[in-house]
Amino acid sequence: AIRDSEVIAISRKGWQRMVKAEPELLEAMIRVILKRLGRAGQ
C-alpha cells in the first residue's frame, strides 16, 4: 500500500462465477494483463 487503502478480495471460485455469467470479463482482464506487460504503446 502506497497510502491508506481499502481493498476487496474475490476468491477464485467467486471470480469464476462472475466470468461464467459475464464472459466479457475475461476479455477485459486479458487487456489489463497485456497492458501491464509493459510493451511499447501499451
All heavy atoms as atom14 arrays in JSON, in Angstrom:
{
  "sequence": "AIRDSEVIAISRKGWQRMVKAEPELLEAMIRVILKRLGRAGQ",
  "atom14_mask": [
    [1, 1, 1, 1, 1, 0, 0, 0, 0, 0, 0, 0, 0, 0],
    [1, 1, 1, 1, 1, 1, 1, 1, 0, 0, 0, 0, 0, 0],
    [1, 1, 1, 1, 1, 1, 1, 1, 1, 1, 1, 0, 0, 0],
    [1, 1, 1, 1, 1, 1, 1, 1, 0, 0, 0, 0, 0, 0],
    [1, 1, 1, 1, 1, 1, 0, 0, 0, 0, 0, 0, 0, 0],
    [1, 1, 1, 1, 1, 1, 1, 1, 1, 0, 0, 0, 0, 0],
    [1, 1, 1, 1, 1, 1, 1, 0, 0, 0, 0, 0, 0, 0],
    [1, 1, 1, 1, 1, 1, 1, 1, 0, 0, 0, 0, 0, 0],
    [1, 1, 1, 1, 1, 0, 0, 0, 0, 0, 0, 0, 0, 0],
    [1, 1, 1, 1, 1, 1, 1, 1, 0, 0, 0, 0, 0, 0],
    [1, 1, 1, 1, 1, 1, 0, 0, 0, 0, 0, 0, 0, 0],
    [1, 1, 1, 1, 1, 1, 1, 1, 1, 1, 1, 0, 0, 0],
    [1, 1, 1, 1, 1, 1, 1, 1, 1, 0, 0, 0, 0, 0],
    [1, 1, 1, 1, 0, 0, 0, 0, 0, 0, 0, 0, 0, 0],
    [1, 1, 1, 1, 1, 1, 1, 1, 1, 1, 1, 1, 1, 1],
    [1, 1, 1, 1, 1, 1, 1, 1, 1, 0, 0, 0, 0, 0],
    [1, 1, 1, 1, 1, 1, 1, 1, 1, 1, 1, 0, 0, 0],
    [1, 1, 1, 1, 1, 1, 1, 1, 0, 0, 0, 0, 0, 0],
    [1, 1, 1, 1, 1, 1, 1, 0, 0, 0, 0, 0, 0, 0],
    [1, 1, 1, 1, 1, 1, 1, 1, 1, 0, 0, 0, 0, 0],
    [1, 1, 1, 1, 1, 0, 0, 0, 0, 0, 0, 0, 0, 0],
    [1, 1, 1, 1, 1, 1, 1, 1, 1, 0, 0, 0, 0, 0],
    [1, 1, 1, 1, 1, 1, 1, 0, 0, 0, 0, 0, 0, 0],
    [1, 1, 1, 1, 1, 1, 1, 1, 1, 0, 0, 0, 0, 0],
    [1, 1, 1, 1, 1, 1, 1, 1, 0, 0, 0, 0, 0, 0],
    [1, 1, 1, 1, 1, 1, 1, 1, 0, 0, 0, 0, 0, 0],
    [1, 1, 1, 1, 1, 1, 1, 1, 1, 0, 0, 0, 0, 0],
    [1, 1, 1, 1, 1, 0, 0, 0, 0, 0, 0, 0, 0, 0],
    [1, 1, 1, 1, 1, 1, 1, 1, 0, 0, 0, 0, 0, 0],
    [1, 1, 1, 1, 1, 1, 1, 1, 0, 0, 0, 0, 0, 0],
    [1, 1, 1, 1, 1, 1, 1, 1, 1, 1, 1, 0, 0, 0],
    [1, 1, 1, 1, 1, 1, 1, 0, 0, 0, 0, 0, 0, 0],
    [1, 1, 1, 1, 1, 1, 1, 1, 0, 0, 0, 0, 0, 0],
    [1, 1, 1, 1, 1, 1, 1, 1, 0, 0, 0, 0, 0, 0],
    [1, 1, 1, 1, 1, 1, 1, 1, 1, 0, 0, 0, 0, 0],
    [1, 1, 1, 1, 1, 1, 1, 1, 1, 1, 1, 0, 0, 0],
    [1, 1, 1, 1, 1, 1, 1, 1, 0, 0, 0, 0, 0, 0],
    [1, 1, 1, 1, 0, 0, 0, 0, 0, 0, 0, 0, 0, 0],
    [1, 1, 1, 1, 1, 1, 1, 1, 1, 1, 1, 0, 0, 0],
    [1, 1, 1, 1, 1, 0, 0, 0, 0, 0, 0, 0, 0, 0],
    [1, 1, 1, 1, 0, 0, 0, 0, 0, 0, 0, 0, 0, 0],
    [1, 1, 1, 1, 1, 1, 1, 1, 1, 0, 0, 0, 0, 0]
  ],
  "atom14_positions": [
    [[0.85, -1.19, 0.0], [0.0, 0.0, 0.0], [0.88, 1.24, 0.0], [1.72, 1.42, 0.89], [-0.91, 0.01, 1.22], [0.0, 0.0, 0.0], [0.0, 0.0, 0.0], [0.0, 0.0, 0.0], [0.0, 0.0, 0.0], [0.0, 0.0, 0.0], [0.0, 0.0, 0.0], [0.0, 0.0, 0.0], [0.0, 0.0, 0.0], [0.0, 0.0, 0.0]],
    [[0.73, 2.08, -1.01], [1.47, 3.34, -1.06], [0.85, 4.34, -0.08], [1.54, 5.17, 0.5], [1.46, 3.92, -2.48], [2.14, 2.93, -3.45], [2.15, 5.27, -2.55], [3.6, 2.69, -3.17], [0.0, 0.0, 0.0], [0.0, 0.0, 0.0], [0.0, 0.0, 0.0], [0.0, 0.0, 0.0], [0.0, 0.0, 0.0], [0.0, 0.0, 0.0]],
    [[-0.46, 4.27, 0.08], [-1.14, 5.08, 1.1], [-2.28, 4.27, 1.68], [-2.58, 3.17, 1.18], [-1.62, 6.4, 0.49], [-2.62, 6.27, -0.62], [-2.99, 7.65, -1.14], [-1.88, 8.22, -1.9], [-1.92, 8.46, -3.19], [-3.02, 8.21, -3.87], [-0.88, 8.96, -3.82], [0.0, 0.0, 0.0], [0.0, 0.0, 0.0], [0.0, 0.0, 0.0]],
    [[-2.92, 4.78, 2.73], [-4.04, 4.05, 3.34], [-5.05, 3.67, 2.27], [-5.51, 4.52, 1.5], [-4.72, 4.92, 4.4], [-3.84, 5.16, 5.62], [-2.86, 4.4, 5.79], [-4.12, 6.08, 6.39], [0.0, 0.0, 0.0], [0.0, 0.0, 0.0], [0.0, 0.0, 0.0], [0.0, 0.0, 0.0], [0.0, 0.0, 0.0], [0.0, 0.0, 0.0]],
    [[-5.4, 2.37, 2.21], [-6.23, 1.88, 1.11], [-7.29, 0.91, 1.62], [-7.14, 0.31, 2.69], [-5.36, 1.17, 0.06], [-4.33, 2.0, -0.43], [0.0, 0.0, 0.0], [0.0, 0.0, 0.0], [0.0, 0.0, 0.0], [0.0, 0.0, 0.0], [0.0, 0.0, 0.0], [0.0, 0.0, 0.0], [0.0, 0.0, 0.0], [0.0, 0.0, 0.0]],
    [[-8.35, 0.78, 0.83], [-9.36, -0.24, 1.06], [-9.38, -1.15, -0.16], [-9.35, -0.69, -1.31], [-10.73, 0.39, 1.29], [-10.83, 1.14, 2.61], [-12.22, 1.68, 2.87], [-13.14, 1.37, 2.07], [-12.4, 2.4, 3.87], [0.0, 0.0, 0.0], [0.0, 0.0, 0.0], [0.0, 0.0, 0.0], [0.0, 0.0, 0.0], [0.0, 0.0, 0.0]],
    [[-9.42, -2.44, 0.1], [-9.29, -3.44, -0.96], [-10.36, -4.51, -0.77], [-10.7, -4.86, 0.36], [-7.89, -4.11, -0.91], [-7.73, -5.14, -2.01], [-6.79, -3.06, -0.99], [0.0, 0.0, 0.0], [0.0, 0.0, 0.0], [0.0, 0.0, 0.0], [0.0, 0.0, 0.0], [0.0, 0.0, 0.0], [0.0, 0.0, 0.0], [0.0, 0.0, 0.0]],
    [[-10.89, -5.0, -1.87], [-11.82, -6.12, -1.79], [-11.18, -7.32, -2.48], [-10.54, -7.19, -3.53], [-13.18, -5.76, -2.43], [-14.26, -6.73, -1.94], [-13.12, -5.72, -3.94], [-15.67, -6.23, -2.14], [0.0, 0.0, 0.0], [0.0, 0.0, 0.0], [0.0, 0.0, 0.0], [0.0, 0.0, 0.0], [0.0, 0.0, 0.0], [0.0, 0.0, 0.0]],
    [[-11.29, -8.48, -1.86], [-10.72, -9.72, -2.39], [-11.85, -10.65, -2.8], [-12.8, -10.87, -2.05], [-9.84, -10.39, -1.33], [0.0, 0.0, 0.0], [0.0, 0.0, 0.0], [0.0, 0.0, 0.0], [0.0, 0.0, 0.0], [0.0, 0.0, 0.0], [0.0, 0.0, 0.0], [0.0, 0.0, 0.0], [0.0, 0.0, 0.0], [0.0, 0.0, 0.0]],
    [[-11.73, -11.19, -4.01], [-12.72, -12.16, -4.52], [-11.98, -13.47, -4.76], [-10.98, -13.51, -5.46], [-13.37, -11.66, -5.82], [-14.05, -10.31, -5.58], [-14.36, -12.68, -6.35], [-14.61, -9.68, -6.84], [0.0, 0.0, 0.0], [0.0, 0.0, 0.0], [0.0, 0.0, 0.0], [0.0, 0.0, 0.0], [0.0, 0.0, 0.0], [0.0, 0.0, 0.0]],
    [[-12.48, -14.54, -4.18], [-11.82, -15.83, -4.31], [-11.87, -16.32, -5.75], [-12.63, -15.82, -6.58], [-12.49, -16.86, -3.4], [-13.79, -17.15, -3.89], [0.0, 0.0, 0.0], [0.0, 0.0, 0.0], [0.0, 0.0, 0.0], [0.0, 0.0, 0.0], [0.0, 0.0, 0.0], [0.0, 0.0, 0.0], [0.0, 0.0, 0.0], [0.0, 0.0, 0.0]],
    [[-11.05, -17.34, -6.02], [-11.05, -17.94, -7.36], [-12.45, -18.43, -7.74], [-12.92, -18.23, -8.86], [-10.06, -19.1, -7.41], [-9.96, -19.78, -8.79], [-9.13, -21.04, -8.72], [-7.83, -20.78, -8.14], [-6.81, -20.25, -8.82], [-6.99, -19.91, -10.09], [-5.66, -20.05, -8.24], [0.0, 0.0, 0.0], [0.0, 0.0, 0.0], [0.0, 0.0, 0.0]],
    [[-13.13, -19.04, -6.78], [-14.48, -19.56, -7.04], [-15.45, -18.43, -7.38], [-16.23, -18.53, -8.33], [-14.97, -20.34, -5.82], [-16.3, -21.04, -6.01], [-16.67, -21.84, -4.76], [-18.01, -22.54, -4.92], [-18.36, -23.31, -3.69], [0.0, 0.0, 0.0], [0.0, 0.0, 0.0], [0.0, 0.0, 0.0], [0.0, 0.0, 0.0], [0.0, 0.0, 0.0]],
    [[-15.36, -17.32, -6.63], [-16.24, -16.19, -6.91], [-15.95, -15.57, -8.26], [-16.88, -15.19, -9.0], [0.0, 0.0, 0.0], [0.0, 0.0, 0.0], [0.0, 0.0, 0.0], [0.0, 0.0, 0.0], [0.0, 0.0, 0.0], [0.0, 0.0, 0.0], [0.0, 0.0, 0.0], [0.0, 0.0, 0.0], [0.0, 0.0, 0.0], [0.0, 0.0, 0.0]],
    [[-14.68, -15.46, -8.59], [-14.3, -14.9, -9.9], [-14.81, -15.78, -11.04], [-15.3, -15.28, -12.05], [-12.78, -14.74, -9.96], [-12.26, -14.36, -11.32], [-11.56, -15.13, -12.18], [-12.43, -13.09, -11.97], [-11.26, -14.44, -13.33], [-11.79, -13.18, -13.23], [-13.05, -11.89, -11.62], [-11.76, -12.13, -14.12], [-13.02, -10.83, -12.52], [-12.38, -10.95, -13.76]],
    [[-14.67, -17.08, -10.89], [-15.14, -18.0, -11.93], [-16.64, -17.89, -12.14], [-17.14, -17.99, -13.27], [-14.74, -19.43, -11.58], [-13.24, -19.69, -11.7], [-12.82, -21.04, -11.17], [-13.55, -21.69, -10.41], [-11.61, -21.48, -11.55], [0.0, 0.0, 0.0], [0.0, 0.0, 0.0], [0.0, 0.0, 0.0], [0.0, 0.0, 0.0], [0.0, 0.0, 0.0]],
    [[-17.4, -17.66, -11.06], [-18.84, -17.46, -11.2], [-19.14, -16.19, -12.01], [-20.05, -16.17, -12.84], [-19.48, -17.36, -9.82], [-19.59, -18.7, -9.09], [-20.15, -18.51, -7.7], [-20.42, -19.8, -7.06], [-20.82, -19.94, -5.8], [-20.97, -18.86, -5.03], [-21.04, -21.13, -5.29], [0.0, 0.0, 0.0], [0.0, 0.0, 0.0], [0.0, 0.0, 0.0]],
    [[-18.39, -15.15, -11.76], [-18.59, -13.91, -12.49], [-18.28, -14.08, -13.98], [-19.03, -13.62, -14.85], [-17.7, -12.81, -11.91], [-18.14, -12.27, -10.57], [-17.04, -10.94, -10.04], [-17.94, -10.34, -8.6], [0.0, 0.0, 0.0], [0.0, 0.0, 0.0], [0.0, 0.0, 0.0], [0.0, 0.0, 0.0], [0.0, 0.0, 0.0], [0.0, 0.0, 0.0]],
    [[-17.16, -14.73, -14.27], [-16.76, -14.92, -15.67], [-17.77, -15.8, -16.41], [-18.08, -15.55, -17.59], [-15.34, -15.55, -15.73], [-15.01, -15.98, -17.14], [-14.31, -14.55, -15.2], [0.0, 0.0, 0.0], [0.0, 0.0, 0.0], [0.0, 0.0, 0.0], [0.0, 0.0, 0.0], [0.0, 0.0, 0.0], [0.0, 0.0, 0.0], [0.0, 0.0, 0.0]],
    [[-18.28, -16.8, -15.74], [-19.28, -17.68, -16.37], [-20.52, -16.9, -16.72], [-21.13, -17.1, -17.79], [-19.61, -18.83, -15.43], [-20.54, -19.88, -16.04], [-20.75, -21.04, -15.09], [-21.67, -22.09, -15.72], [-21.88, -23.26, -14.8], [0.0, 0.0, 0.0], [0.0, 0.0, 0.0], [0.0, 0.0, 0.0], [0.0, 0.0, 0.0], [0.0, 0.0, 0.0]],
    [[-20.91, -15.97, -15.84], [-22.12, -15.17, -16.09], [-21.86, -14.04, -17.07], [-22.75, -13.61, -17.8], [-22.65, -14.61, -14.78], [0.0, 0.0, 0.0], [0.0, 0.0, 0.0], [0.0, 0.0, 0.0], [0.0, 0.0, 0.0], [0.0, 0.0, 0.0], [0.0, 0.0, 0.0], [0.0, 0.0, 0.0], [0.0, 0.0, 0.0], [0.0, 0.0, 0.0]],
    [[-20.62, -13.52, -17.11], [-20.29, -12.39, -17.98], [-18.93, -12.68, -18.64], [-17.88, -12.23, -18.18], [-20.22, -11.09, -17.16], [-19.93, -9.85, -17.99], [-20.9, -9.66, -19.14], [-22.13, -9.76, -18.92], [-20.41, -9.46, -20.26], [0.0, 0.0, 0.0], [0.0, 0.0, 0.0], [0.0, 0.0, 0.0], [0.0, 0.0, 0.0], [0.0, 0.0, 0.0]],
    [[-18.92, -13.45, -19.75], [-17.66, -13.86, -20.4], [-16.77, -12.69, -20.83], [-15.56, -12.86, -20.94], [-18.15, -14.67, -21.62], [-19.52, -15.13, -21.24], [-20.09, -14.04, -20.4], [0.0, 0.0, 0.0], [0.0, 0.0, 0.0], [0.0, 0.0, 0.0], [0.0, 0.0, 0.0], [0.0, 0.0, 0.0], [0.0, 0.0, 0.0], [0.0, 0.0, 0.0]],
    [[-17.37, -11.51, -21.06], [-16.56, -10.38, -21.49], [-15.59, -9.92, -20.41], [-14.63, -9.19, -20.68], [-17.46, -9.22, -21.92], [-18.19, -9.49, -23.23], [-18.95, -8.28, -23.73], [-18.86, -7.21, -23.08], [-19.63, -8.39, -24.76], [0.0, 0.0, 0.0], [0.0, 0.0, 0.0], [0.0, 0.0, 0.0], [0.0, 0.0, 0.0], [0.0, 0.0, 0.0]],
    [[-15.85, -10.32, -19.16], [-14.9, -10.03, -18.08], [-13.52, -10.61, -18.4], [-12.49, -10.01, -18.09], [-15.39, -10.62, -16.76], [-16.28, -9.76, -15.86], [-16.59, -10.52, -14.59], [-15.62, -8.44, -15.54], [0.0, 0.0, 0.0], [0.0, 0.0, 0.0], [0.0, 0.0, 0.0], [0.0, 0.0, 0.0], [0.0, 0.0, 0.0], [0.0, 0.0, 0.0]],
    [[-13.51, -11.79, -18.97], [-12.26, -12.46, -19.3], [-11.47, -11.64, -20.32], [-10.26, -11.44, -20.19], [-12.55, -13.86, -19.85], [-11.36, -14.82, -19.93], [-10.75, -15.03, -18.56], [-11.81, -16.14, -20.53], [0.0, 0.0, 0.0], [0.0, 0.0, 0.0], [0.0, 0.0, 0.0], [0.0, 0.0, 0.0], [0.0, 0.0, 0.0], [0.0, 0.0, 0.0]],
    [[-12.17, -11.15, -21.33], [-11.51, -10.33, -22.35], [-10.96, -9.04, -21.75], [-9.84, -8.61, -22.07], [-12.52, -10.0, -23.46], [-11.93, -9.18, -24.6], [-12.96, -8.86, -25.67], [-14.01, -9.54, -25.71], [-12.72, -7.93, -26.45], [0.0, 0.0, 0.0], [0.0, 0.0, 0.0], [0.0, 0.0, 0.0], [0.0, 0.0, 0.0], [0.0, 0.0, 0.0]],
    [[-11.75, -8.41, -20.85], [-11.29, -7.17, -20.21], [-10.04, -7.42, -19.36], [-9.11, -6.61, -19.34], [-12.41, -6.6, -19.35], [0.0, 0.0, 0.0], [0.0, 0.0, 0.0], [0.0, 0.0, 0.0], [0.0, 0.0, 0.0], [0.0, 0.0, 0.0], [0.0, 0.0, 0.0], [0.0, 0.0, 0.0], [0.0, 0.0, 0.0], [0.0, 0.0, 0.0]],
    [[-10.02, -8.57, -18.67], [-8.88, -8.88, -17.82], [-7.63, -9.17, -18.66], [-6.51, -8.81, -18.29], [-9.19, -10.06, -16.91], [-8.15, -10.28, -15.82], [-7.97, -8.86, -14.72], [-9.54, -8.92, -13.84], [0.0, 0.0, 0.0], [0.0, 0.0, 0.0], [0.0, 0.0, 0.0], [0.0, 0.0, 0.0], [0.0, 0.0, 0.0], [0.0, 0.0, 0.0]],
    [[-7.82, -9.79, -19.8], [-6.69, -10.05, -20.7], [-6.08, -8.73, -21.16], [-4.86, -8.59, -21.27], [-7.13, -10.92, -21.89], [-7.42, -12.35, -21.41], [-6.06, -10.93, -22.98], [-8.03, -13.25, -22.46], [0.0, 0.0, 0.0], [0.0, 0.0, 0.0], [0.0, 0.0, 0.0], [0.0, 0.0, 0.0], [0.0, 0.0, 0.0], [0.0, 0.0, 0.0]],
    [[-6.94, -7.73, -21.43], [-6.43, -6.42, -21.84], [-5.61, -5.79, -20.72], [-4.57, -5.17, -20.97], [-7.59, -5.5, -22.22], [-8.22, -5.82, -23.57], [-9.05, -4.66, -24.08], [-10.18, -4.36, -23.2], [-11.39, -4.89, -23.34], [-11.62, -5.75, -24.33], [-12.36, -4.57, -22.52], [0.0, 0.0, 0.0], [0.0, 0.0, 0.0], [0.0, 0.0, 0.0]],
    [[-6.05, -5.96, -19.48], [-5.29, -5.44, -18.34], [-3.92, -6.11, -18.26], [-2.88, -5.46, -18.07], [-6.07, -5.67, -17.02], [-5.18, -5.38, -15.81], [-7.31, -4.8, -16.98], [0.0, 0.0, 0.0], [0.0, 0.0, 0.0], [0.0, 0.0, 0.0], [0.0, 0.0, 0.0], [0.0, 0.0, 0.0], [0.0, 0.0, 0.0], [0.0, 0.0, 0.0]],
    [[-3.9, -7.44, -18.43], [-2.64, -8.18, -18.34], [-1.68, -7.74, -19.44], [-0.49, -7.5, -19.2], [-2.91, -9.7, -18.42], [-3.64, -10.17, -17.15], [-1.62, -10.47, -18.6], [-4.09, -11.61, -17.2], [0.0, 0.0, 0.0], [0.0, 0.0, 0.0], [0.0, 0.0, 0.0], [0.0, 0.0, 0.0], [0.0, 0.0, 0.0], [0.0, 0.0, 0.0]],
    [[-2.18, -7.59, -20.67], [-1.33, -7.17, -21.78], [-0.75, -5.78, -21.53], [0.42, -5.51, -21.81], [-2.12, -7.2, -23.1], [-2.47, -8.58, -23.65], [-3.36, -8.46, -24.88], [-1.21, -9.36, -23.99], [0.0, 0.0, 0.0], [0.0, 0.0, 0.0], [0.0, 0.0, 0.0], [0.0, 0.0, 0.0], [0.0, 0.0, 0.0], [0.0, 0.0, 0.0]],
    [[-1.59, -4.89, -21.0], [-1.13, -3.54, -20.73], [-0.03, -3.55, -19.69], [0.95, -2.81, -19.78], [-2.31, -2.69, -20.24], [-1.98, -1.21, -20.09], [-3.2, -0.41, -19.66], [-4.23, -0.34, -20.76], [-5.36, 0.55, -20.4], [0.0, 0.0, 0.0], [0.0, 0.0, 0.0], [0.0, 0.0, 0.0], [0.0, 0.0, 0.0], [0.0, 0.0, 0.0]],
    [[-0.17, -4.42, -18.7], [0.82, -4.45, -17.63], [2.1, -5.19, -17.99], [3.06, -5.18, -17.23], [0.2, -5.07, -16.37], [-0.83, -4.14, -15.73], [-1.48, -4.74, -14.53], [-2.38, -3.77, -13.9], [-3.19, -4.04, -12.9], [-3.24, -5.27, -12.39], [-3.96, -3.12, -12.39], [0.0, 0.0, 0.0], [0.0, 0.0, 0.0], [0.0, 0.0, 0.0]],
    [[2.12, -5.83, -19.13], [3.35, -6.49, -19.58], [4.39, -5.47, -20.01], [5.56, -5.79, -20.17], [3.06, -7.46, -20.73], [2.33, -8.74, -20.33], [2.02, -9.59, -21.57], [3.14, -9.55, -19.33], [0.0, 0.0, 0.0], [0.0, 0.0, 0.0], [0.0, 0.0, 0.0], [0.0, 0.0, 0.0], [0.0, 0.0, 0.0], [0.0, 0.0, 0.0]],
    [[3.95, -4.21, -20.22], [4.89, -3.13, -20.48], [5.39, -3.03, -21.89], [6.44, -2.47, -22.15], [0.0, 0.0, 0.0], [0.0, 0.0, 0.0], [0.0, 0.0, 0.0], [0.0, 0.0, 0.0], [0.0, 0.0, 0.0], [0.0, 0.0, 0.0], [0.0, 0.0, 0.0], [0.0, 0.0, 0.0], [0.0, 0.0, 0.0], [0.0, 0.0, 0.0]],
    [[4.65, -3.57, -22.86], [5.08, -3.44, -24.25], [4.95, -1.99, -24.69], [4.13, -1.23, -24.19], [4.21, -4.31, -25.15], [4.39, -5.8, -24.88], [5.77, -6.27, -25.27], [5.88, -7.72, -25.16], [6.99, -8.39, -25.44], [8.07, -7.76, -25.81], [7.03, -9.7, -25.32], [0.0, 0.0, 0.0], [0.0, 0.0, 0.0], [0.0, 0.0, 0.0]],
    [[5.74, -1.62, -25.7], [5.66, -0.27, -26.23], [4.26, -0.01, -26.76], [3.67, -0.84, -27.43], [6.69, -0.08, -27.36], [0.0, 0.0, 0.0], [0.0, 0.0, 0.0], [0.0, 0.0, 0.0], [0.0, 0.0, 0.0], [0.0, 0.0, 0.0], [0.0, 0.0, 0.0], [0.0, 0.0, 0.0], [0.0, 0.0, 0.0], [0.0, 0.0, 0.0]],
    [[3.75, 1.19, -26.45], [2.43, 1.55, -26.93], [1.31, 1.03, -26.07], [0.16, 1.36, -26.31], [0.0, 0.0, 0.0], [0.0, 0.0, 0.0], [0.0, 0.0, 0.0], [0.0, 0.0, 0.0], [0.0, 0.0, 0.0], [0.0, 0.0, 0.0], [0.0, 0.0, 0.0], [0.0, 0.0, 0.0], [0.0, 0.0, 0.0], [0.0, 0.0, 0.0]],
    [[1.63, 0.23, -25.05], [0.6, -0.32, -24.16], [0.83, 0.16, -22.72], [0.45, -0.47, -21.78], [0.59, -1.85, -24.22], [0.21, -2.39, -25.57], [0.26, -3.9, -25.61], [1.1, -4.51, -24.97], [-0.62, -4.51, -26.36], [0.0, 0.0, 0.0], [0.0, 0.0, 0.0], [0.0, 0.0, 0.0], [0.0, 0.0, 0.0], [0.0, 0.0, 0.0]]
  ]
}
